[in-house]
N, C-alpha and C. Protein backbone atom coordinates (compact mmCIF):
# COMPACT_ATOMS: atom_id res chain seq x y z
N MET A 1 0.83 -1.20 0.00
CA MET A 1 0.00 0.00 0.00
C MET A 1 0.87 1.26 0.00
N LYS A 2 1.92 1.25 0.81
CA LYS A 2 2.81 2.41 0.89
C LYS A 2 3.54 2.62 -0.42
N ILE A 3 3.97 1.44 -1.12
CA ILE A 3 4.70 1.55 -2.39
C ILE A 3 3.80 2.11 -3.47
N THR A 4 2.56 1.62 -3.54
CA THR A 4 1.61 2.10 -4.54
C THR A 4 1.36 3.59 -4.39
N ARG A 5 1.17 4.06 -3.15
CA ARG A 5 0.93 5.48 -2.92
C ARG A 5 2.13 6.31 -3.35
N PHE A 6 3.34 5.81 -3.10
CA PHE A 6 4.56 6.54 -3.48
C PHE A 6 4.68 6.64 -5.00
N VAL A 7 4.39 5.51 -5.71
CA VAL A 7 4.48 5.51 -7.17
C VAL A 7 3.50 6.49 -7.77
N LEU A 8 2.27 6.50 -7.24
CA LEU A 8 1.25 7.43 -7.74
C LEU A 8 1.67 8.88 -7.54
N LEU A 9 2.26 9.17 -6.38
CA LEU A 9 2.70 10.53 -6.09
C LEU A 9 3.81 10.96 -7.05
N VAL A 10 4.76 10.03 -7.35
CA VAL A 10 5.85 10.36 -8.26
C VAL A 10 5.32 10.61 -9.65
N ALA A 11 4.36 9.76 -10.09
CA ALA A 11 3.78 9.92 -11.43
C ALA A 11 3.04 11.23 -11.55
N ALA A 12 2.27 11.56 -10.50
CA ALA A 12 1.51 12.81 -10.51
C ALA A 12 2.44 14.01 -10.57
N PHE A 13 3.55 13.94 -9.82
CA PHE A 13 4.51 15.04 -9.81
C PHE A 13 5.16 15.21 -11.18
N ALA A 14 5.47 14.07 -11.86
CA ALA A 14 6.10 14.13 -13.18
C ALA A 14 5.16 14.74 -14.20
N MET A 15 3.88 14.36 -14.14
CA MET A 15 2.89 14.91 -15.07
C MET A 15 2.71 16.40 -14.85
N ALA A 16 2.68 16.80 -13.59
CA ALA A 16 2.51 18.22 -13.26
C ALA A 16 3.69 19.02 -13.77
N SER A 17 4.90 18.44 -13.68
CA SER A 17 6.10 19.15 -14.14
C SER A 17 6.08 19.32 -15.64
N MET A 18 5.62 18.28 -16.38
CA MET A 18 5.54 18.36 -17.84
C MET A 18 4.52 19.40 -18.26
N PHE A 19 3.38 19.42 -17.55
CA PHE A 19 2.33 20.39 -17.88
C PHE A 19 2.80 21.82 -17.65
N PHE A 20 3.50 22.00 -16.52
CA PHE A 20 4.00 23.33 -16.21
C PHE A 20 5.02 23.80 -17.25
N ALA A 21 5.90 22.87 -17.71
CA ALA A 21 6.91 23.24 -18.70
C ALA A 21 6.27 23.61 -20.02
N CYS A 22 5.26 22.81 -20.45
CA CYS A 22 4.57 23.10 -21.71
C CYS A 22 3.80 24.41 -21.62
N SER A 23 3.13 24.62 -20.49
CA SER A 23 2.36 25.84 -20.31
C SER A 23 3.25 27.06 -20.34
N THR A 24 4.44 26.94 -19.75
CA THR A 24 5.37 28.06 -19.73
C THR A 24 5.83 28.41 -21.13
N ASP A 25 6.11 27.35 -21.97
CA ASP A 25 6.52 27.60 -23.35
C ASP A 25 5.43 28.28 -24.15
N ASP A 26 4.18 27.82 -23.94
CA ASP A 26 3.05 28.42 -24.67
C ASP A 26 2.88 29.89 -24.32
N ILE A 27 3.02 30.19 -23.04
CA ILE A 27 2.84 31.57 -22.60
C ILE A 27 3.93 32.46 -23.17
N GLU A 28 5.18 31.94 -23.19
CA GLU A 28 6.28 32.76 -23.68
C GLU A 28 6.15 33.06 -25.17
N GLU A 29 5.53 32.12 -25.96
CA GLU A 29 5.35 32.35 -27.39
C GLU A 29 4.45 33.54 -27.68
N HIS A 30 3.48 33.79 -26.75
CA HIS A 30 2.50 34.84 -26.99
C HIS A 30 2.85 36.14 -26.30
N LEU A 31 3.94 36.17 -25.55
CA LEU A 31 4.34 37.40 -24.88
C LEU A 31 5.00 38.35 -25.87
N PRO A 32 4.69 39.67 -25.82
CA PRO A 32 5.36 40.64 -26.69
C PRO A 32 6.81 40.79 -26.31
N ASP A 33 7.61 41.19 -27.31
CA ASP A 33 9.03 41.42 -27.04
C ASP A 33 9.19 42.51 -26.01
N SER A 34 10.09 42.27 -25.00
CA SER A 34 10.22 43.21 -23.89
C SER A 34 10.67 44.58 -24.36
N SER A 35 11.53 44.65 -25.40
CA SER A 35 12.02 45.95 -25.87
C SER A 35 10.93 46.72 -26.56
N THR A 36 10.08 45.99 -27.34
CA THR A 36 8.96 46.65 -28.03
C THR A 36 7.95 47.17 -27.04
N SER A 37 7.67 46.34 -26.01
CA SER A 37 6.67 46.73 -25.02
C SER A 37 7.10 47.98 -24.28
N SER A 38 8.37 48.07 -23.90
CA SER A 38 8.81 49.22 -23.11
C SER A 38 8.79 50.48 -23.93
N SER A 39 9.08 50.40 -25.24
CA SER A 39 9.11 51.61 -26.06
C SER A 39 7.72 52.11 -26.38
N SER A 40 6.75 51.16 -26.56
CA SER A 40 5.39 51.58 -26.89
C SER A 40 4.64 52.10 -25.69
N GLU A 41 4.88 51.53 -24.53
CA GLU A 41 4.16 51.95 -23.34
C GLU A 41 4.77 53.21 -22.75
N GLY A 42 6.11 53.36 -22.83
CA GLY A 42 6.76 54.56 -22.31
C GLY A 42 6.91 54.58 -20.82
N LYS A 43 6.55 53.47 -20.12
CA LYS A 43 6.68 53.42 -18.66
C LYS A 43 6.96 51.98 -18.25
N GLN A 44 7.53 51.80 -17.06
CA GLN A 44 7.85 50.47 -16.56
C GLN A 44 7.05 50.20 -15.31
N LYS A 45 6.78 48.91 -15.06
CA LYS A 45 6.06 48.49 -13.86
C LYS A 45 6.94 48.71 -12.64
N PRO A 46 6.45 49.35 -11.60
CA PRO A 46 7.28 49.59 -10.41
C PRO A 46 7.65 48.30 -9.74
N SER A 47 8.81 48.28 -9.12
CA SER A 47 9.28 47.10 -8.40
C SER A 47 8.38 46.81 -7.21
N SER A 48 8.00 45.52 -7.04
CA SER A 48 7.11 45.15 -5.93
C SER A 48 7.81 45.26 -4.59
N SER A 49 9.15 45.22 -4.58
CA SER A 49 9.88 45.26 -3.31
C SER A 49 9.71 46.59 -2.60
N SER A 50 9.47 47.65 -3.33
CA SER A 50 9.35 48.97 -2.73
C SER A 50 7.98 49.22 -2.13
N SER A 51 6.96 48.49 -2.62
CA SER A 51 5.59 48.74 -2.14
C SER A 51 5.08 47.65 -1.21
N GLN A 52 5.74 46.48 -1.18
CA GLN A 52 5.28 45.37 -0.37
C GLN A 52 6.34 44.92 0.63
N LYS A 53 7.12 45.82 1.12
CA LYS A 53 8.20 45.46 2.04
C LYS A 53 7.64 44.97 3.36
N GLN A 54 8.08 43.78 3.79
CA GLN A 54 7.60 43.20 5.04
C GLN A 54 8.47 43.68 6.19
N PRO A 55 7.86 44.07 7.31
CA PRO A 55 8.66 44.51 8.47
C PRO A 55 9.44 43.35 9.04
N SER A 56 10.67 43.60 9.39
CA SER A 56 11.50 42.57 10.00
C SER A 56 11.17 42.46 11.47
N SER A 57 11.42 41.28 12.06
CA SER A 57 11.16 41.09 13.48
C SER A 57 12.12 41.93 14.29
N SER A 58 11.65 42.39 15.44
CA SER A 58 12.46 43.27 16.28
C SER A 58 13.62 42.52 16.88
N SER A 59 14.79 43.11 16.80
CA SER A 59 15.98 42.48 17.37
C SER A 59 15.96 42.52 18.89
N SER A 60 15.07 43.37 19.46
CA SER A 60 15.01 43.50 20.92
C SER A 60 13.95 42.59 21.53
N GLU A 61 13.34 41.72 20.73
CA GLU A 61 12.32 40.82 21.23
C GLU A 61 12.92 39.90 22.28
N ILE A 62 12.21 39.72 23.43
CA ILE A 62 12.74 38.96 24.56
C ILE A 62 12.40 37.48 24.40
N ALA A 63 13.39 36.63 24.53
CA ALA A 63 13.17 35.18 24.47
C ALA A 63 12.74 34.68 25.85
N ASN A 64 11.76 33.78 25.87
CA ASN A 64 11.28 33.17 27.12
C ASN A 64 10.92 34.25 28.15
N PRO A 65 10.01 35.15 27.82
CA PRO A 65 9.71 36.28 28.71
C PRO A 65 8.90 35.88 29.94
N LEU A 66 9.01 36.68 30.98
CA LEU A 66 8.17 36.53 32.17
C LEU A 66 6.82 37.19 31.87
N GLU A 67 5.74 36.44 32.00
CA GLU A 67 4.41 36.96 31.69
C GLU A 67 3.83 37.61 32.95
N LYS A 68 4.03 38.90 33.06
CA LYS A 68 3.67 39.62 34.27
C LYS A 68 2.24 40.16 34.21
N LYS A 69 1.55 40.05 35.35
CA LYS A 69 0.20 40.56 35.49
C LYS A 69 0.14 41.45 36.73
N THR A 70 -0.91 42.23 36.87
CA THR A 70 -1.01 43.16 37.99
C THR A 70 -2.42 43.24 38.54
N PHE A 71 -2.53 43.57 39.81
CA PHE A 71 -3.77 44.04 40.42
C PHE A 71 -3.44 44.77 41.71
N THR A 72 -4.43 45.44 42.27
CA THR A 72 -4.24 46.24 43.49
C THR A 72 -5.15 45.74 44.59
N LEU A 73 -4.59 45.50 45.76
CA LEU A 73 -5.38 45.17 46.94
C LEU A 73 -5.55 46.44 47.76
N SER A 74 -6.78 46.77 48.10
CA SER A 74 -7.00 48.00 48.85
C SER A 74 -8.29 47.94 49.66
N PHE A 75 -8.33 48.73 50.72
CA PHE A 75 -9.53 48.82 51.54
C PHE A 75 -10.67 49.46 50.76
N ALA A 76 -10.35 50.44 49.93
CA ALA A 76 -11.38 51.15 49.16
C ALA A 76 -11.90 50.33 47.98
N GLY A 77 -11.11 49.32 47.55
CA GLY A 77 -11.51 48.50 46.40
C GLY A 77 -11.74 47.06 46.81
N SER A 78 -10.84 46.20 46.38
CA SER A 78 -10.94 44.77 46.67
C SER A 78 -9.70 44.32 47.44
N SER A 79 -9.91 43.53 48.47
CA SER A 79 -8.82 43.16 49.37
C SER A 79 -8.32 41.74 49.21
N TYR A 80 -9.01 40.94 48.38
CA TYR A 80 -8.72 39.52 48.28
C TYR A 80 -8.27 39.18 46.86
N GLY A 81 -7.05 38.62 46.72
CA GLY A 81 -6.48 38.39 45.40
C GLY A 81 -6.26 36.93 45.06
N ASP A 82 -6.65 36.55 43.84
CA ASP A 82 -6.43 35.22 43.30
C ASP A 82 -5.33 35.34 42.24
N LEU A 83 -4.13 34.87 42.53
CA LEU A 83 -3.01 35.00 41.61
C LEU A 83 -3.19 34.12 40.37
N ASP A 84 -3.67 32.91 40.55
CA ASP A 84 -3.83 32.00 39.41
C ASP A 84 -4.82 32.56 38.39
N GLY A 85 -5.90 33.14 38.87
CA GLY A 85 -6.91 33.71 37.98
C GLY A 85 -6.70 35.16 37.66
N ALA A 86 -5.70 35.81 38.32
CA ALA A 86 -5.42 37.24 38.14
C ALA A 86 -6.69 38.06 38.40
N LYS A 87 -7.40 37.75 39.50
CA LYS A 87 -8.64 38.45 39.83
C LYS A 87 -8.61 38.91 41.29
N ILE A 88 -9.36 39.96 41.57
CA ILE A 88 -9.51 40.45 42.94
C ILE A 88 -10.98 40.47 43.31
N TYR A 89 -11.25 40.36 44.62
CA TYR A 89 -12.62 40.25 45.09
C TYR A 89 -12.83 41.13 46.33
N ARG A 90 -14.07 41.60 46.46
CA ARG A 90 -14.49 42.25 47.70
C ARG A 90 -14.95 41.17 48.68
N GLN A 91 -15.07 41.55 49.93
CA GLN A 91 -15.45 40.58 50.94
C GLN A 91 -16.82 39.97 50.65
N GLY A 92 -17.75 40.78 50.13
CA GLY A 92 -19.09 40.29 49.84
C GLY A 92 -19.15 39.31 48.67
N GLU A 93 -18.05 39.17 47.94
CA GLU A 93 -18.01 38.26 46.80
C GLU A 93 -17.37 36.92 47.14
N LEU A 94 -17.07 36.70 48.40
CA LEU A 94 -16.35 35.49 48.80
C LEU A 94 -17.29 34.31 48.97
N THR A 95 -17.66 33.68 47.87
CA THR A 95 -18.40 32.42 47.94
C THR A 95 -17.44 31.32 48.39
N ALA A 96 -17.98 30.15 48.68
CA ALA A 96 -17.14 29.04 49.13
C ALA A 96 -16.07 28.70 48.09
N THR A 97 -16.45 28.73 46.82
CA THR A 97 -15.49 28.42 45.75
C THR A 97 -14.41 29.49 45.65
N VAL A 98 -14.81 30.75 45.76
CA VAL A 98 -13.85 31.85 45.67
C VAL A 98 -12.86 31.82 46.83
N LYS A 99 -13.33 31.51 48.03
CA LYS A 99 -12.46 31.46 49.20
C LYS A 99 -11.28 30.52 48.99
N GLU A 100 -11.52 29.39 48.33
CA GLU A 100 -10.45 28.42 48.09
C GLU A 100 -9.40 28.94 47.11
N ARG A 101 -9.79 29.91 46.27
CA ARG A 101 -8.89 30.42 45.25
C ARG A 101 -8.06 31.61 45.71
N ILE A 102 -8.42 32.24 46.82
CA ILE A 102 -7.71 33.43 47.28
C ILE A 102 -6.31 33.07 47.75
N ASP A 103 -5.32 33.83 47.29
CA ASP A 103 -3.92 33.57 47.62
C ASP A 103 -3.28 34.64 48.49
N VAL A 104 -3.73 35.89 48.34
CA VAL A 104 -3.16 37.00 49.11
C VAL A 104 -4.28 37.92 49.58
N VAL A 105 -4.12 38.46 50.79
CA VAL A 105 -5.15 39.35 51.37
C VAL A 105 -4.45 40.54 52.02
N ALA A 106 -5.05 41.74 51.84
CA ALA A 106 -4.50 42.94 52.49
C ALA A 106 -5.60 43.98 52.66
N TYR A 107 -5.57 44.70 53.77
CA TYR A 107 -6.46 45.85 54.02
C TYR A 107 -7.94 45.51 53.88
N TYR A 108 -8.36 44.44 54.54
CA TYR A 108 -9.78 44.06 54.46
C TYR A 108 -10.64 44.80 55.49
N GLU A 109 -9.99 45.55 56.38
CA GLU A 109 -10.75 46.39 57.31
C GLU A 109 -9.87 47.54 57.80
N ASN A 110 -10.49 48.51 58.44
CA ASN A 110 -9.76 49.67 58.95
C ASN A 110 -8.75 49.28 60.04
N GLY A 111 -7.68 50.03 60.11
CA GLY A 111 -6.73 49.87 61.20
C GLY A 111 -5.75 48.72 61.06
N LEU A 112 -5.74 48.03 59.94
CA LEU A 112 -4.81 46.92 59.77
C LEU A 112 -3.40 47.44 59.47
N PRO A 113 -2.38 46.72 59.89
CA PRO A 113 -1.00 47.14 59.59
C PRO A 113 -0.70 46.96 58.11
N ASP A 114 0.43 47.51 57.67
CA ASP A 114 0.84 47.39 56.27
C ASP A 114 1.43 46.01 56.04
N GLU A 115 0.53 45.04 55.84
CA GLU A 115 0.94 43.66 55.67
C GLU A 115 0.06 42.96 54.64
N ILE A 116 0.65 41.98 53.99
CA ILE A 116 -0.11 41.03 53.17
C ILE A 116 -0.15 39.73 53.96
N ILE A 117 -1.35 39.20 54.18
CA ILE A 117 -1.48 38.04 55.04
C ILE A 117 -1.96 36.81 54.28
N ASN A 118 -1.64 35.64 54.84
CA ASN A 118 -2.15 34.40 54.31
C ASN A 118 -3.68 34.40 54.43
N PRO A 119 -4.41 33.99 53.39
CA PRO A 119 -5.88 34.02 53.43
C PRO A 119 -6.49 33.26 54.60
N CYS A 120 -5.80 32.26 55.10
CA CYS A 120 -6.34 31.49 56.22
C CYS A 120 -6.48 32.34 57.48
N LEU A 121 -5.73 33.45 57.56
CA LEU A 121 -5.80 34.34 58.72
C LEU A 121 -6.93 35.35 58.62
N ALA A 122 -7.49 35.53 57.44
CA ALA A 122 -8.55 36.52 57.25
C ALA A 122 -9.86 35.97 57.81
N PRO A 123 -10.51 36.69 58.73
CA PRO A 123 -11.75 36.19 59.35
C PRO A 123 -12.83 35.82 58.35
N ALA A 124 -12.89 36.52 57.23
CA ALA A 124 -13.94 36.24 56.24
C ALA A 124 -13.68 34.94 55.47
N ILE A 125 -12.48 34.37 55.62
CA ILE A 125 -12.16 33.11 54.95
C ILE A 125 -11.94 32.00 55.99
N GLY A 126 -10.90 32.14 56.80
CA GLY A 126 -10.65 31.18 57.87
C GLY A 126 -9.95 29.91 57.43
N PHE A 127 -9.47 29.17 58.42
CA PHE A 127 -8.70 27.96 58.15
C PHE A 127 -9.54 26.84 57.54
N ASP A 128 -10.81 26.83 57.82
CA ASP A 128 -11.66 25.75 57.31
C ASP A 128 -11.99 25.91 55.83
N ALA A 129 -11.89 27.13 55.30
CA ALA A 129 -12.31 27.38 53.91
C ALA A 129 -11.18 27.83 53.00
N CYS A 130 -10.02 28.16 53.54
CA CYS A 130 -8.95 28.71 52.70
C CYS A 130 -8.30 27.63 51.84
N GLY A 131 -7.59 28.07 50.81
CA GLY A 131 -6.97 27.14 49.87
C GLY A 131 -5.55 26.77 50.20
N TRP A 132 -5.05 27.22 51.36
CA TRP A 132 -3.72 26.86 51.84
C TRP A 132 -2.59 27.30 50.92
N SER A 133 -2.60 28.57 50.55
CA SER A 133 -1.43 29.12 49.87
C SER A 133 -0.30 29.30 50.89
N GLU A 134 0.94 29.36 50.42
CA GLU A 134 2.09 29.49 51.31
C GLU A 134 2.97 30.64 50.85
N PHE A 135 3.46 31.44 51.81
CA PHE A 135 4.32 32.60 51.52
C PHE A 135 5.77 32.26 51.87
N PHE A 136 6.70 32.75 51.03
CA PHE A 136 8.12 32.56 51.30
C PHE A 136 8.88 33.85 51.00
N PRO A 137 9.64 34.35 51.95
CA PRO A 137 10.49 35.52 51.68
C PRO A 137 11.53 35.16 50.62
N ILE A 138 11.97 36.16 49.85
CA ILE A 138 13.02 35.97 48.86
C ILE A 138 14.27 36.68 49.36
N PRO A 139 15.37 35.99 49.50
CA PRO A 139 16.61 36.61 50.00
C PRO A 139 17.03 37.82 49.17
N ASP A 140 17.70 38.74 49.82
CA ASP A 140 18.11 40.00 49.17
C ASP A 140 18.94 39.78 47.92
N LYS A 141 19.77 38.74 47.90
CA LYS A 141 20.65 38.53 46.76
C LYS A 141 19.90 38.20 45.46
N TYR A 142 18.62 37.83 45.58
CA TYR A 142 17.82 37.54 44.39
C TYR A 142 16.81 38.65 44.08
N GLN A 143 16.69 39.63 44.95
CA GLN A 143 15.65 40.64 44.82
C GLN A 143 15.74 41.43 43.50
N ASP A 144 16.90 41.89 43.15
CA ASP A 144 17.03 42.70 41.94
C ASP A 144 16.61 41.92 40.70
N ALA A 145 17.00 40.66 40.64
CA ALA A 145 16.67 39.84 39.47
C ALA A 145 15.18 39.59 39.36
N VAL A 146 14.53 39.21 40.46
CA VAL A 146 13.11 38.87 40.39
C VAL A 146 12.22 40.11 40.24
N VAL A 147 12.69 41.26 40.73
CA VAL A 147 11.92 42.50 40.61
C VAL A 147 12.04 43.09 39.21
N ASN A 148 13.24 43.10 38.67
CA ASN A 148 13.50 43.79 37.40
C ASN A 148 13.69 42.87 36.20
N GLY A 149 13.75 41.58 36.42
CA GLY A 149 13.97 40.64 35.33
C GLY A 149 12.85 40.66 34.32
N GLU A 150 13.20 40.40 33.05
CA GLU A 150 12.22 40.36 31.97
C GLU A 150 12.06 38.97 31.37
N SER A 151 13.02 38.09 31.61
CA SER A 151 12.95 36.74 31.05
C SER A 151 13.37 35.73 32.11
N PHE A 152 13.09 34.45 31.83
CA PHE A 152 13.48 33.41 32.77
C PHE A 152 14.99 33.30 32.87
N ASP A 153 15.71 33.68 31.84
CA ASP A 153 17.17 33.70 31.92
C ASP A 153 17.65 34.66 33.00
N ASP A 154 16.91 35.77 33.17
CA ASP A 154 17.30 36.78 34.16
C ASP A 154 17.16 36.27 35.60
N ILE A 155 16.28 35.30 35.81
CA ILE A 155 16.03 34.82 37.18
C ILE A 155 16.49 33.37 37.38
N GLN A 156 17.39 32.91 36.52
CA GLN A 156 17.81 31.50 36.57
C GLN A 156 18.44 31.14 37.91
N ASP A 157 19.22 32.04 38.50
CA ASP A 157 19.83 31.75 39.81
C ASP A 157 18.76 31.54 40.88
N PHE A 158 17.68 32.33 40.81
CA PHE A 158 16.58 32.17 41.76
C PHE A 158 15.86 30.84 41.54
N ILE A 159 15.63 30.49 40.29
CA ILE A 159 15.01 29.20 39.97
C ILE A 159 15.84 28.06 40.54
N ASP A 160 17.15 28.13 40.36
CA ASP A 160 18.04 27.09 40.87
C ASP A 160 17.99 27.02 42.40
N ALA A 161 17.84 28.19 43.04
CA ALA A 161 17.76 28.23 44.51
C ALA A 161 16.50 27.52 45.01
N ILE A 162 15.40 27.66 44.27
CA ILE A 162 14.17 26.95 44.66
C ILE A 162 14.37 25.45 44.52
N LYS A 163 14.96 25.03 43.41
CA LYS A 163 15.22 23.61 43.19
C LYS A 163 16.13 23.02 44.26
N ASP A 164 17.06 23.83 44.75
CA ASP A 164 18.01 23.36 45.76
C ASP A 164 17.44 23.42 47.17
N GLY A 165 16.22 23.93 47.32
CA GLY A 165 15.59 23.99 48.64
C GLY A 165 15.94 25.21 49.46
N GLU A 166 16.66 26.16 48.86
CA GLU A 166 17.10 27.34 49.60
C GLU A 166 15.94 28.25 49.98
N ILE A 167 14.92 28.35 49.14
CA ILE A 167 13.83 29.30 49.38
C ILE A 167 12.78 28.73 50.33
N GLU A 168 12.42 27.46 50.15
CA GLU A 168 11.36 26.87 50.98
C GLU A 168 11.90 26.14 52.21
N GLY A 169 13.17 25.78 52.19
CA GLY A 169 13.70 24.99 53.29
C GLY A 169 13.25 23.54 53.17
N HIS A 170 13.28 22.82 54.28
CA HIS A 170 12.82 21.42 54.28
C HIS A 170 11.30 21.39 54.30
N CYS A 171 10.70 20.65 53.37
CA CYS A 171 9.23 20.56 53.30
C CYS A 171 8.76 19.15 53.63
N SER A 172 7.64 19.09 54.31
CA SER A 172 7.02 17.81 54.65
C SER A 172 5.50 17.96 54.54
N TYR A 173 4.79 16.94 54.95
CA TYR A 173 3.32 16.98 54.93
C TYR A 173 2.79 18.17 55.73
N TYR A 174 3.53 18.58 56.73
CA TYR A 174 3.07 19.64 57.64
C TYR A 174 3.48 21.04 57.18
N GLY A 175 4.22 21.15 56.08
CA GLY A 175 4.62 22.45 55.58
C GLY A 175 6.12 22.54 55.35
N CYS A 176 6.59 23.76 55.10
CA CYS A 176 8.01 23.99 54.82
C CYS A 176 8.62 24.88 55.89
N ASP A 177 9.91 24.67 56.15
CA ASP A 177 10.60 25.38 57.23
C ASP A 177 10.55 26.89 57.11
N LYS A 178 10.67 27.40 55.86
CA LYS A 178 10.82 28.84 55.67
C LYS A 178 9.52 29.55 55.31
N GLU A 179 8.41 28.86 55.45
CA GLU A 179 7.11 29.50 55.18
C GLU A 179 6.80 30.54 56.25
N VAL A 180 6.18 31.66 55.83
CA VAL A 180 5.71 32.68 56.76
C VAL A 180 4.23 32.95 56.46
N LEU A 181 3.53 33.51 57.44
CA LEU A 181 2.11 33.79 57.27
C LEU A 181 1.84 35.24 56.90
N VAL A 182 2.84 36.10 57.10
CA VAL A 182 2.66 37.53 56.87
C VAL A 182 3.87 38.09 56.14
N ILE A 183 3.61 38.99 55.19
CA ILE A 183 4.67 39.70 54.48
C ILE A 183 4.48 41.21 54.70
N ASP A 184 5.51 41.88 55.20
CA ASP A 184 5.42 43.34 55.37
C ASP A 184 5.35 44.01 54.00
N VAL A 185 4.48 45.02 53.90
CA VAL A 185 4.35 45.77 52.65
C VAL A 185 5.50 46.75 52.53
N VAL A 186 6.36 46.52 51.55
CA VAL A 186 7.52 47.37 51.29
C VAL A 186 7.61 47.58 49.78
N LYS A 187 7.52 48.82 49.36
CA LYS A 187 7.57 49.13 47.93
C LYS A 187 8.87 48.61 47.30
N GLY A 188 8.72 47.92 46.16
CA GLY A 188 9.87 47.41 45.45
C GLY A 188 10.38 46.07 45.93
N LYS A 189 9.72 45.49 46.93
CA LYS A 189 10.14 44.21 47.49
C LYS A 189 9.33 43.07 46.88
N ALA A 190 9.95 41.89 46.77
CA ALA A 190 9.29 40.72 46.20
C ALA A 190 9.26 39.57 47.20
N PHE A 191 8.25 38.70 47.06
CA PHE A 191 8.18 37.47 47.83
C PHE A 191 7.59 36.38 46.93
N MET A 192 7.62 35.13 47.39
CA MET A 192 7.12 34.03 46.58
C MET A 192 5.87 33.42 47.22
N VAL A 193 4.93 33.00 46.38
CA VAL A 193 3.71 32.36 46.86
C VAL A 193 3.54 31.02 46.15
N PHE A 194 3.35 29.97 46.93
CA PHE A 194 2.94 28.68 46.40
C PHE A 194 1.44 28.61 46.62
N THR A 195 0.67 28.58 45.52
CA THR A 195 -0.78 28.72 45.64
C THR A 195 -1.46 27.38 45.93
N GLY A 196 -2.72 27.47 46.31
CA GLY A 196 -3.51 26.26 46.54
C GLY A 196 -3.77 25.47 45.28
N GLU A 197 -3.49 26.08 44.12
CA GLU A 197 -3.63 25.40 42.83
C GLU A 197 -2.28 24.91 42.32
N PHE A 198 -1.31 24.85 43.24
CA PHE A 198 0.00 24.24 42.98
C PHE A 198 0.83 24.99 41.93
N ASN A 199 0.78 26.30 41.96
CA ASN A 199 1.64 27.12 41.11
C ASN A 199 2.55 27.99 41.97
N TYR A 200 3.70 28.33 41.43
CA TYR A 200 4.65 29.20 42.12
C TYR A 200 4.63 30.58 41.47
N PHE A 201 4.40 31.61 42.28
CA PHE A 201 4.38 32.98 41.77
C PHE A 201 5.42 33.83 42.49
N VAL A 202 6.11 34.65 41.72
CA VAL A 202 6.88 35.75 42.29
C VAL A 202 5.93 36.95 42.33
N VAL A 203 5.83 37.59 43.49
CA VAL A 203 4.93 38.73 43.67
C VAL A 203 5.77 39.94 44.08
N VAL A 204 5.65 41.02 43.30
CA VAL A 204 6.42 42.24 43.56
C VAL A 204 5.48 43.35 43.99
N MET A 205 5.79 44.00 45.10
CA MET A 205 4.99 45.14 45.58
C MET A 205 5.51 46.40 44.88
N THR A 206 4.90 46.75 43.77
CA THR A 206 5.43 47.82 42.93
C THR A 206 5.12 49.22 43.44
N ASP A 207 4.02 49.38 44.20
CA ASP A 207 3.68 50.70 44.74
C ASP A 207 2.82 50.53 45.97
N VAL A 208 2.88 51.52 46.85
CA VAL A 208 2.14 51.48 48.10
C VAL A 208 1.40 52.79 48.28
N GLY A 209 0.10 52.72 48.58
CA GLY A 209 -0.70 53.91 48.82
C GLY A 209 -1.31 53.89 50.20
N THR A 210 -2.35 54.68 50.40
CA THR A 210 -3.06 54.69 51.67
C THR A 210 -3.95 53.46 51.74
N ARG A 211 -3.57 52.52 52.56
CA ARG A 211 -4.29 51.26 52.71
C ARG A 211 -4.48 50.57 51.36
N SER A 212 -3.43 50.56 50.57
CA SER A 212 -3.45 49.87 49.28
C SER A 212 -2.04 49.47 48.88
N VAL A 213 -1.94 48.42 48.07
CA VAL A 213 -0.66 47.98 47.55
C VAL A 213 -0.87 47.44 46.13
N ASP A 214 -0.01 47.91 45.22
CA ASP A 214 -0.05 47.44 43.83
C ASP A 214 0.88 46.23 43.70
N LEU A 215 0.37 45.17 43.13
CA LEU A 215 1.15 43.95 42.98
C LEU A 215 1.36 43.59 41.51
N GLU A 216 2.59 43.22 41.19
CA GLU A 216 2.93 42.66 39.89
C GLU A 216 3.39 41.23 40.15
N PHE A 217 2.88 40.28 39.36
CA PHE A 217 3.19 38.89 39.67
C PHE A 217 3.32 38.07 38.39
N TYR A 218 4.11 37.00 38.49
CA TYR A 218 4.28 36.10 37.35
C TYR A 218 4.53 34.67 37.83
N ASP A 219 4.02 33.72 37.06
CA ASP A 219 4.10 32.31 37.41
C ASP A 219 5.43 31.72 36.93
N ILE A 220 6.10 30.98 37.78
CA ILE A 220 7.38 30.39 37.42
C ILE A 220 7.35 28.85 37.45
N PHE A 221 6.16 28.28 37.68
CA PHE A 221 6.06 26.84 37.85
C PHE A 221 6.59 26.07 36.65
N GLY A 222 6.26 26.53 35.44
CA GLY A 222 6.65 25.82 34.24
C GLY A 222 8.15 25.68 34.04
N ASN A 223 8.94 26.53 34.68
CA ASN A 223 10.39 26.48 34.53
C ASN A 223 11.11 25.85 35.74
N LEU A 224 10.31 25.31 36.66
CA LEU A 224 10.93 24.73 37.85
C LEU A 224 11.29 23.26 37.66
N TRP A 225 10.48 22.54 36.88
CA TRP A 225 10.68 21.08 36.83
C TRP A 225 10.85 20.62 35.39
């Protein structure tokens, strides 16, 4: 069956080549002489290269870029953030399903300190309904790379540190040694979140306002394993 199909394809290709050659000869017989045509018309067809030039790809295009997203947690707006879905919620929107998806919480009521807390600590969610996200501080030596990096190449040392256990410490069924429940809000500082949906995010606090914090975040799970 495979031989028959190959023979048919070769025969079809040969016939097509003969037809194309004959057709080309026929067309050339009926074409006017190029010198006669140019003198009678008095003008030449413009070059297609000047009118149909295709833009070249940018030399500054970043390979393997970090796909960064943003949202703001604030008392005046929404205090509950889902990193995996890149969504924020008000307290009144916390259905049972939404509670499991919340990864970061800040400024859910008046008088709170400048902190981002684990959702399990927020009274509106609680330990029985939270999705068990985990916070990890990022050492100073990696801060510049994770805050300002544009590609995974820029943060490769940090990725290697996670693989080596430097960021999370020793992990077991009960958690990891270096996990914290609260992150102080500091403009320009980054921390890591392992979400309840099993993704790793770098979260950067890009700006701080009155009972608000702007967050920029990107998922690094795909480059860890």
